[in-house]
Amino acid sequence: MHTEPARGRVSTGWTINRVIDGDTVEASRTTEAGGAHDREVVRLIGIDTPEIVDPAEPVECYAQQASKFARRMLLDKAVSLEFDPTQGRMDKYGRTLAYVWLQRTNTLFNRLAIRTGHALEYTYRSPYKWREAFLRAQRSAQRRGLGVWQCPRPGS
């Protein structure tokens, strides 16, 4: 488990209420004013998982396992969202960009998914603050042949 503290602005009190796929989730939290809910679709920074939800494409190798892993680790769990100013706050689809920390264990889920072979490291336009740690995790998973590294062409 990765227990190094967050490096950026953190928003606490979130719960993952839906896993869209291995690298995109929906989080919600109750606000203090009137019990309203904040709800965010979150694209996890620094990772890419095989596609499972694109109707125009076949399900990619290891996509089912990556999504199942994300559901098992995140669904109904208390999390914190860490934001990274190097990546901006939202992607071109209007999703919030963040790292997801499991509050109970202080584990950075994005890195864990890479380390266990359930995701690949992904740099969108510019390097992000956890990139070196994610690349080390990926090299370790690749050496051990974990998860996506069992596929004929990981990431395609």
N, C-alpha and C. Protein backbone atom coordinates (compact mmCIF):
# COMPACT_ATOMS: atom_id res chain seq x y z
N MET A 1 0.84 -1.18 0.00
CA MET A 1 0.00 0.00 0.00
C MET A 1 0.88 1.24 0.00
N HIS A 2 0.37 2.29 -0.62
CA HIS A 2 1.11 3.55 -0.73
C HIS A 2 0.53 4.54 0.27
N THR A 3 1.29 4.88 1.28
CA THR A 3 0.76 5.74 2.32
C THR A 3 1.45 7.09 2.40
N GLU A 4 2.18 7.48 1.36
CA GLU A 4 2.77 8.81 1.32
C GLU A 4 1.64 9.84 1.30
N PRO A 5 1.81 10.96 2.00
CA PRO A 5 0.72 11.94 2.06
C PRO A 5 0.46 12.60 0.70
N ALA A 6 -0.75 13.09 0.55
CA ALA A 6 -1.13 13.82 -0.66
C ALA A 6 -0.20 15.01 -0.84
N ARG A 7 -0.02 15.43 -2.08
CA ARG A 7 0.89 16.52 -2.39
C ARG A 7 0.18 17.80 -2.82
N GLY A 8 -1.12 17.76 -2.96
CA GLY A 8 -1.86 18.93 -3.44
C GLY A 8 -3.09 19.20 -2.59
N ARG A 9 -3.93 20.09 -3.09
CA ARG A 9 -5.17 20.43 -2.39
C ARG A 9 -6.07 19.21 -2.34
N VAL A 10 -6.61 18.93 -1.19
CA VAL A 10 -7.42 17.74 -0.97
C VAL A 10 -8.82 18.14 -0.52
N SER A 11 -9.80 17.44 -1.07
CA SER A 11 -11.20 17.63 -0.69
C SER A 11 -11.66 16.32 -0.05
N THR A 12 -12.12 16.37 1.18
CA THR A 12 -12.50 15.17 1.93
C THR A 12 -14.02 14.99 1.97
N GLY A 13 -14.44 13.85 2.49
CA GLY A 13 -15.85 13.60 2.73
C GLY A 13 -16.61 13.03 1.55
N TRP A 14 -15.91 12.51 0.56
CA TRP A 14 -16.54 11.96 -0.63
C TRP A 14 -16.77 10.47 -0.47
N THR A 15 -17.77 9.95 -1.16
CA THR A 15 -18.04 8.52 -1.24
C THR A 15 -18.18 8.17 -2.71
N ILE A 16 -17.56 7.08 -3.11
CA ILE A 16 -17.72 6.62 -4.50
C ILE A 16 -19.04 5.86 -4.58
N ASN A 17 -19.96 6.39 -5.36
CA ASN A 17 -21.27 5.75 -5.47
C ASN A 17 -21.49 5.06 -6.81
N ARG A 18 -20.53 5.20 -7.73
CA ARG A 18 -20.64 4.51 -9.01
C ARG A 18 -19.25 4.41 -9.64
N VAL A 19 -18.95 3.23 -10.18
CA VAL A 19 -17.72 3.04 -10.94
C VAL A 19 -18.15 2.92 -12.40
N ILE A 20 -17.75 3.89 -13.21
CA ILE A 20 -18.12 3.90 -14.63
C ILE A 20 -17.23 2.92 -15.38
N ASP A 21 -15.94 3.01 -15.12
CA ASP A 21 -14.97 2.01 -15.59
C ASP A 21 -13.75 2.14 -14.69
N GLY A 22 -12.67 1.50 -15.05
CA GLY A 22 -11.52 1.45 -14.15
C GLY A 22 -10.85 2.77 -13.87
N ASP A 23 -11.06 3.79 -14.74
CA ASP A 23 -10.40 5.08 -14.53
C ASP A 23 -11.37 6.25 -14.40
N THR A 24 -12.66 5.96 -14.29
CA THR A 24 -13.67 7.02 -14.16
C THR A 24 -14.72 6.56 -13.15
N VAL A 25 -14.98 7.43 -12.17
CA VAL A 25 -15.94 7.10 -11.10
C VAL A 25 -16.86 8.29 -10.86
N GLU A 26 -17.92 8.03 -10.13
CA GLU A 26 -18.79 9.11 -9.68
C GLU A 26 -18.70 9.17 -8.16
N ALA A 27 -18.46 10.37 -7.65
CA ALA A 27 -18.33 10.58 -6.21
C ALA A 27 -19.38 11.58 -5.76
N SER A 28 -19.82 11.42 -4.52
CA SER A 28 -20.79 12.37 -3.98
C SER A 28 -20.46 12.63 -2.52
N ARG A 29 -20.99 13.74 -2.03
CA ARG A 29 -20.87 14.06 -0.61
C ARG A 29 -22.03 14.98 -0.24
N THR A 30 -22.40 14.92 1.01
CA THR A 30 -23.46 15.78 1.52
C THR A 30 -22.83 17.08 1.97
N THR A 31 -23.39 18.16 1.51
CA THR A 31 -22.88 19.47 1.92
C THR A 31 -23.43 19.84 3.28
N GLU A 32 -22.77 20.75 3.95
CA GLU A 32 -23.20 21.17 5.28
C GLU A 32 -24.50 21.97 5.21
N ALA A 33 -24.71 22.71 4.14
CA ALA A 33 -25.88 23.59 4.04
C ALA A 33 -27.08 22.83 3.49
N GLY A 34 -27.97 22.44 4.36
CA GLY A 34 -29.24 21.89 3.92
C GLY A 34 -29.23 20.46 3.45
N GLY A 35 -28.16 19.75 3.60
CA GLY A 35 -28.14 18.35 3.21
C GLY A 35 -28.12 18.11 1.72
N ALA A 36 -27.80 19.12 0.92
CA ALA A 36 -27.70 18.93 -0.53
C ALA A 36 -26.49 18.06 -0.84
N HIS A 37 -26.49 17.49 -2.03
CA HIS A 37 -25.38 16.63 -2.43
C HIS A 37 -24.53 17.29 -3.50
N ASP A 38 -23.21 17.22 -3.30
CA ASP A 38 -22.27 17.51 -4.38
C ASP A 38 -22.06 16.20 -5.10
N ARG A 39 -22.03 16.22 -6.40
CA ARG A 39 -21.81 15.01 -7.18
C ARG A 39 -20.82 15.35 -8.29
N GLU A 40 -19.80 14.53 -8.43
CA GLU A 40 -18.76 14.76 -9.44
C GLU A 40 -18.47 13.46 -10.18
N VAL A 41 -18.35 13.55 -11.50
CA VAL A 41 -17.77 12.45 -12.27
C VAL A 41 -16.28 12.74 -12.28
N VAL A 42 -15.48 11.78 -11.82
CA VAL A 42 -14.05 11.98 -11.63
C VAL A 42 -13.27 11.09 -12.58
N ARG A 43 -12.41 11.72 -13.38
CA ARG A 43 -11.46 10.99 -14.24
C ARG A 43 -10.16 10.96 -13.46
N LEU A 44 -9.67 9.75 -13.18
CA LEU A 44 -8.48 9.59 -12.35
C LEU A 44 -7.23 10.00 -13.11
N ILE A 45 -6.48 10.90 -12.52
CA ILE A 45 -5.26 11.41 -13.15
C ILE A 45 -4.19 10.33 -13.18
N GLY A 46 -3.49 10.25 -14.31
CA GLY A 46 -2.29 9.42 -14.40
C GLY A 46 -2.51 7.96 -14.71
N ILE A 47 -3.76 7.54 -14.92
CA ILE A 47 -3.99 6.14 -15.24
C ILE A 47 -4.92 6.00 -16.44
N ASP A 48 -4.79 4.88 -17.10
CA ASP A 48 -5.68 4.51 -18.19
C ASP A 48 -5.96 3.02 -18.03
N THR A 49 -7.22 2.66 -18.14
CA THR A 49 -7.60 1.25 -18.06
C THR A 49 -8.19 0.82 -19.39
N PRO A 50 -8.16 -0.47 -19.67
CA PRO A 50 -8.76 -0.95 -20.92
C PRO A 50 -10.23 -0.55 -21.01
N GLU A 51 -10.66 -0.24 -22.24
CA GLU A 51 -12.03 0.26 -22.46
C GLU A 51 -13.06 -0.84 -22.31
N ILE A 52 -14.15 -0.47 -21.63
CA ILE A 52 -15.25 -1.40 -21.43
C ILE A 52 -16.58 -0.79 -21.85
N VAL A 53 -16.69 0.56 -21.85
CA VAL A 53 -17.99 1.20 -22.04
C VAL A 53 -18.20 1.85 -23.40
N ASP A 54 -17.22 1.86 -24.28
CA ASP A 54 -17.39 2.48 -25.59
C ASP A 54 -18.18 1.54 -26.50
N PRO A 55 -19.43 1.91 -26.86
CA PRO A 55 -20.25 1.01 -27.67
C PRO A 55 -19.72 0.80 -29.09
N ALA A 56 -18.85 1.69 -29.54
CA ALA A 56 -18.30 1.57 -30.89
C ALA A 56 -17.06 0.68 -30.94
N GLU A 57 -16.59 0.27 -29.79
CA GLU A 57 -15.36 -0.52 -29.72
C GLU A 57 -15.60 -1.83 -28.98
N PRO A 58 -14.84 -2.87 -29.33
CA PRO A 58 -14.95 -4.11 -28.55
C PRO A 58 -14.34 -3.91 -27.17
N VAL A 59 -14.78 -4.71 -26.22
CA VAL A 59 -14.22 -4.66 -24.87
C VAL A 59 -12.75 -5.09 -24.97
N GLU A 60 -11.86 -4.28 -24.42
CA GLU A 60 -10.43 -4.56 -24.52
C GLU A 60 -9.98 -5.60 -23.50
N CYS A 61 -8.82 -6.19 -23.79
CA CYS A 61 -8.22 -7.19 -22.92
C CYS A 61 -8.04 -6.62 -21.51
N TYR A 62 -8.53 -7.31 -20.54
CA TYR A 62 -8.42 -7.03 -19.11
C TYR A 62 -9.35 -5.91 -18.63
N ALA A 63 -10.26 -5.44 -19.49
CA ALA A 63 -11.18 -4.37 -19.11
C ALA A 63 -12.14 -4.81 -18.01
N GLN A 64 -12.68 -6.00 -18.13
CA GLN A 64 -13.62 -6.49 -17.11
C GLN A 64 -12.95 -6.56 -15.75
N GLN A 65 -11.75 -7.09 -15.71
CA GLN A 65 -11.03 -7.24 -14.45
C GLN A 65 -10.68 -5.87 -13.83
N ALA A 66 -10.28 -4.90 -14.70
CA ALA A 66 -9.93 -3.57 -14.20
C ALA A 66 -11.15 -2.88 -13.58
N SER A 67 -12.29 -3.00 -14.23
CA SER A 67 -13.52 -2.40 -13.70
C SER A 67 -13.96 -3.10 -12.41
N LYS A 68 -13.85 -4.40 -12.39
CA LYS A 68 -14.23 -5.16 -11.19
C LYS A 68 -13.33 -4.77 -10.01
N PHE A 69 -12.04 -4.61 -10.27
CA PHE A 69 -11.10 -4.19 -9.23
C PHE A 69 -11.48 -2.81 -8.69
N ALA A 70 -11.79 -1.88 -9.58
CA ALA A 70 -12.18 -0.54 -9.15
C ALA A 70 -13.46 -0.60 -8.31
N ARG A 71 -14.43 -1.40 -8.73
CA ARG A 71 -15.67 -1.53 -7.94
C ARG A 71 -15.38 -2.10 -6.56
N ARG A 72 -14.56 -3.14 -6.51
CA ARG A 72 -14.25 -3.79 -5.23
C ARG A 72 -13.51 -2.84 -4.28
N MET A 73 -12.60 -2.07 -4.82
CA MET A 73 -11.78 -1.19 -3.98
C MET A 73 -12.46 0.13 -3.63
N LEU A 74 -13.36 0.63 -4.51
CA LEU A 74 -13.86 1.99 -4.35
C LEU A 74 -15.35 2.12 -4.04
N LEU A 75 -16.17 1.22 -4.55
CA LEU A 75 -17.61 1.41 -4.43
C LEU A 75 -18.06 1.49 -2.97
N ASP A 76 -18.78 2.54 -2.67
CA ASP A 76 -19.30 2.82 -1.32
C ASP A 76 -18.21 3.10 -0.29
N LYS A 77 -17.02 3.41 -0.74
CA LYS A 77 -15.91 3.71 0.17
C LYS A 77 -15.75 5.22 0.35
N ALA A 78 -15.33 5.61 1.53
CA ALA A 78 -15.00 7.01 1.82
C ALA A 78 -13.65 7.33 1.19
N VAL A 79 -13.61 8.43 0.43
CA VAL A 79 -12.38 8.81 -0.26
C VAL A 79 -12.16 10.32 -0.12
N SER A 80 -10.93 10.69 -0.39
CA SER A 80 -10.57 12.09 -0.56
C SER A 80 -10.14 12.27 -2.00
N LEU A 81 -10.39 13.44 -2.54
CA LEU A 81 -9.96 13.76 -3.89
C LEU A 81 -8.80 14.75 -3.79
N GLU A 82 -7.69 14.41 -4.44
CA GLU A 82 -6.54 15.30 -4.48
C GLU A 82 -6.47 15.90 -5.87
N PHE A 83 -6.36 17.22 -5.94
CA PHE A 83 -6.31 17.92 -7.22
C PHE A 83 -4.88 18.28 -7.57
N ASP A 84 -4.61 18.41 -8.85
CA ASP A 84 -3.26 18.67 -9.34
C ASP A 84 -3.30 19.85 -10.30
N PRO A 85 -2.78 21.01 -9.89
CA PRO A 85 -2.85 22.18 -10.75
C PRO A 85 -2.14 22.01 -12.09
N THR A 86 -1.22 21.06 -12.19
CA THR A 86 -0.54 20.84 -13.48
C THR A 86 -1.47 20.22 -14.51
N GLN A 87 -2.61 19.67 -14.08
CA GLN A 87 -3.53 19.01 -15.00
C GLN A 87 -4.83 19.78 -15.21
N GLY A 88 -5.03 20.85 -14.47
CA GLY A 88 -6.29 21.57 -14.54
C GLY A 88 -7.33 20.88 -13.67
N ARG A 89 -8.49 21.49 -13.57
CA ARG A 89 -9.53 20.93 -12.70
C ARG A 89 -10.49 20.01 -13.45
N MET A 90 -10.67 20.24 -14.77
CA MET A 90 -11.62 19.43 -15.53
C MET A 90 -11.01 19.03 -16.87
N ASP A 91 -11.48 17.88 -17.39
CA ASP A 91 -11.03 17.47 -18.72
C ASP A 91 -11.99 18.00 -19.78
N LYS A 92 -11.72 17.68 -21.03
CA LYS A 92 -12.53 18.22 -22.13
C LYS A 92 -13.97 17.69 -22.13
N TYR A 93 -14.24 16.65 -21.36
CA TYR A 93 -15.59 16.10 -21.25
C TYR A 93 -16.34 16.62 -20.02
N GLY A 94 -15.73 17.54 -19.28
CA GLY A 94 -16.38 18.10 -18.11
C GLY A 94 -16.23 17.27 -16.85
N ARG A 95 -15.34 16.28 -16.87
CA ARG A 95 -15.11 15.45 -15.68
C ARG A 95 -14.05 16.10 -14.80
N THR A 96 -14.22 15.98 -13.50
CA THR A 96 -13.24 16.47 -12.55
C THR A 96 -12.00 15.58 -12.62
N LEU A 97 -10.83 16.19 -12.67
CA LEU A 97 -9.58 15.44 -12.68
C LEU A 97 -9.02 15.38 -11.26
N ALA A 98 -8.75 14.17 -10.79
CA ALA A 98 -8.27 14.03 -9.41
C ALA A 98 -7.58 12.70 -9.19
N TYR A 99 -6.81 12.66 -8.12
CA TYR A 99 -6.30 11.41 -7.57
C TYR A 99 -7.30 11.00 -6.50
N VAL A 100 -7.50 9.71 -6.32
CA VAL A 100 -8.46 9.23 -5.32
C VAL A 100 -7.70 8.51 -4.21
N TRP A 101 -7.89 9.00 -2.99
CA TRP A 101 -7.27 8.42 -1.80
C TRP A 101 -8.32 7.68 -1.00
N LEU A 102 -8.10 6.42 -0.70
CA LEU A 102 -8.97 5.68 0.20
C LEU A 102 -8.71 6.17 1.62
N GLN A 103 -9.72 6.74 2.26
CA GLN A 103 -9.51 7.38 3.56
C GLN A 103 -9.13 6.38 4.65
N ARG A 104 -9.74 5.23 4.64
CA ARG A 104 -9.50 4.27 5.73
C ARG A 104 -8.04 3.84 5.81
N THR A 105 -7.40 3.67 4.67
CA THR A 105 -6.03 3.16 4.65
C THR A 105 -5.02 4.20 4.16
N ASN A 106 -5.49 5.40 3.80
CA ASN A 106 -4.63 6.43 3.21
C ASN A 106 -3.85 5.89 2.02
N THR A 107 -4.54 5.15 1.16
CA THR A 107 -3.94 4.54 -0.02
C THR A 107 -4.32 5.33 -1.27
N LEU A 108 -3.33 5.63 -2.09
CA LEU A 108 -3.56 6.31 -3.36
C LEU A 108 -4.03 5.27 -4.38
N PHE A 109 -5.32 5.26 -4.67
CA PHE A 109 -5.89 4.24 -5.54
C PHE A 109 -5.25 4.27 -6.93
N ASN A 110 -5.02 5.44 -7.50
CA ASN A 110 -4.45 5.53 -8.85
C ASN A 110 -3.16 4.71 -8.94
N ARG A 111 -2.28 4.88 -7.98
CA ARG A 111 -1.01 4.15 -7.98
C ARG A 111 -1.22 2.66 -7.74
N LEU A 112 -2.13 2.34 -6.84
CA LEU A 112 -2.42 0.93 -6.54
C LEU A 112 -2.92 0.21 -7.79
N ALA A 113 -3.78 0.85 -8.57
CA ALA A 113 -4.30 0.23 -9.79
C ALA A 113 -3.18 -0.07 -10.78
N ILE A 114 -2.21 0.82 -10.87
CA ILE A 114 -1.07 0.58 -11.77
C ILE A 114 -0.19 -0.54 -11.21
N ARG A 115 0.10 -0.46 -9.92
CA ARG A 115 1.01 -1.44 -9.28
C ARG A 115 0.49 -2.87 -9.37
N THR A 116 -0.83 -3.02 -9.36
CA THR A 116 -1.43 -4.36 -9.43
C THR A 116 -1.75 -4.80 -10.85
N GLY A 117 -1.39 -3.96 -11.83
CA GLY A 117 -1.62 -4.32 -13.23
C GLY A 117 -3.03 -4.07 -13.73
N HIS A 118 -3.84 -3.35 -12.98
CA HIS A 118 -5.21 -3.05 -13.39
C HIS A 118 -5.32 -1.78 -14.21
N ALA A 119 -4.21 -1.05 -14.34
CA ALA A 119 -4.18 0.19 -15.12
C ALA A 119 -2.78 0.41 -15.66
N LEU A 120 -2.70 1.23 -16.66
CA LEU A 120 -1.42 1.66 -17.22
C LEU A 120 -1.20 3.12 -16.83
N GLU A 121 0.05 3.50 -16.69
CA GLU A 121 0.37 4.92 -16.48
C GLU A 121 -0.06 5.69 -17.72
N TYR A 122 -0.61 6.88 -17.52
CA TYR A 122 -1.09 7.69 -18.64
C TYR A 122 -0.78 9.15 -18.39
N THR A 123 0.02 9.73 -19.27
CA THR A 123 0.32 11.15 -19.22
C THR A 123 -0.45 11.80 -20.36
N TYR A 124 -1.36 12.73 -20.03
CA TYR A 124 -2.21 13.33 -21.05
C TYR A 124 -1.42 14.36 -21.85
N ARG A 125 -1.22 15.54 -21.34
CA ARG A 125 -0.48 16.56 -22.08
C ARG A 125 0.83 16.93 -21.40
N SER A 126 0.80 17.00 -20.09
CA SER A 126 2.00 17.41 -19.36
C SER A 126 2.19 16.51 -18.15
N PRO A 127 3.43 16.36 -17.73
CA PRO A 127 3.69 15.52 -16.56
C PRO A 127 2.90 16.01 -15.34
N TYR A 128 2.51 15.07 -14.50
CA TYR A 128 1.75 15.37 -13.30
C TYR A 128 2.62 15.03 -12.10
N LYS A 129 2.21 15.47 -10.91
CA LYS A 129 3.10 15.38 -9.75
C LYS A 129 3.41 13.97 -9.28
N TRP A 130 2.54 12.99 -9.52
CA TRP A 130 2.79 11.61 -9.08
C TRP A 130 3.39 10.76 -10.21
N ARG A 131 3.77 11.36 -11.32
CA ARG A 131 4.17 10.60 -12.50
C ARG A 131 5.33 9.63 -12.23
N GLU A 132 6.37 10.07 -11.57
CA GLU A 132 7.52 9.18 -11.34
C GLU A 132 7.14 7.98 -10.49
N ALA A 133 6.34 8.17 -9.47
CA ALA A 133 5.88 7.06 -8.63
C ALA A 133 5.01 6.10 -9.45
N PHE A 134 4.18 6.64 -10.33
CA PHE A 134 3.32 5.80 -11.16
C PHE A 134 4.15 5.01 -12.17
N LEU A 135 5.17 5.63 -12.74
CA LEU A 135 6.04 4.92 -13.69
C LEU A 135 6.80 3.79 -13.00
N ARG A 136 7.26 4.02 -11.77
CA ARG A 136 7.93 2.95 -11.01
C ARG A 136 6.96 1.80 -10.75
N ALA A 137 5.73 2.14 -10.38
CA ALA A 137 4.72 1.11 -10.13
C ALA A 137 4.44 0.30 -11.40
N GLN A 138 4.41 0.99 -12.54
CA GLN A 138 4.17 0.30 -13.80
C GLN A 138 5.32 -0.64 -14.17
N ARG A 139 6.54 -0.19 -13.98
CA ARG A 139 7.68 -1.06 -14.27
C ARG A 139 7.63 -2.32 -13.41
N SER A 140 7.24 -2.16 -12.16
CA SER A 140 7.13 -3.31 -11.27
C SER A 140 6.04 -4.28 -11.75
N ALA A 141 4.88 -3.78 -12.11
CA ALA A 141 3.79 -4.63 -12.59
C ALA A 141 4.18 -5.32 -13.89
N GLN A 142 4.86 -4.60 -14.76
CA GLN A 142 5.28 -5.17 -16.05
C GLN A 142 6.30 -6.29 -15.83
N ARG A 143 7.27 -6.05 -14.96
CA ARG A 143 8.28 -7.08 -14.65
C ARG A 143 7.64 -8.35 -14.12
N ARG A 144 6.59 -8.19 -13.31
CA ARG A 144 5.93 -9.34 -12.70
C ARG A 144 4.82 -9.92 -13.58
N GLY A 145 4.55 -9.29 -14.73
CA GLY A 145 3.53 -9.79 -15.64
C GLY A 145 2.13 -9.76 -15.06
N LEU A 146 1.82 -8.71 -14.33
CA LEU A 146 0.52 -8.62 -13.67
C LEU A 146 -0.54 -8.00 -14.58
N GLY A 147 -1.76 -8.46 -14.45
CA GLY A 147 -2.92 -7.81 -15.06
C GLY A 147 -2.80 -7.56 -16.54
N VAL A 148 -2.87 -6.28 -16.91
CA VAL A 148 -2.83 -5.91 -18.33
C VAL A 148 -1.56 -6.39 -19.01
N TRP A 149 -0.51 -6.64 -18.24
CA TRP A 149 0.75 -7.10 -18.81
C TRP A 149 0.70 -8.56 -19.26
N GLN A 150 -0.43 -9.22 -19.02
CA GLN A 150 -0.66 -10.56 -19.56
C GLN A 150 -1.32 -10.49 -20.95
N CYS A 151 -1.78 -9.32 -21.34
CA CYS A 151 -2.46 -9.14 -22.63
C CYS A 151 -1.44 -9.12 -23.77
N PRO A 152 -1.85 -9.56 -24.97
CA PRO A 152 -0.94 -9.53 -26.10
C PRO A 152 -0.42 -8.14 -26.42
N ARG A 153 -1.27 -7.12 -26.31
CA ARG A 153 -0.88 -5.74 -26.57
C ARG A 153 -1.48 -4.85 -25.47
N PRO A 154 -0.80 -4.70 -24.33
CA PRO A 154 -1.35 -3.88 -23.24
C PRO A 154 -1.67 -2.47 -23.71
N GLY A 155 -2.84 -2.02 -23.35
CA GLY A 155 -3.24 -0.65 -23.69
C GLY A 155 -3.87 -0.49 -25.05
N SER A 156 -4.21 -1.60 -25.70
CA SER A 156 -4.85 -1.45 -27.01
C SER A 156 -6.05 -2.37 -27.11
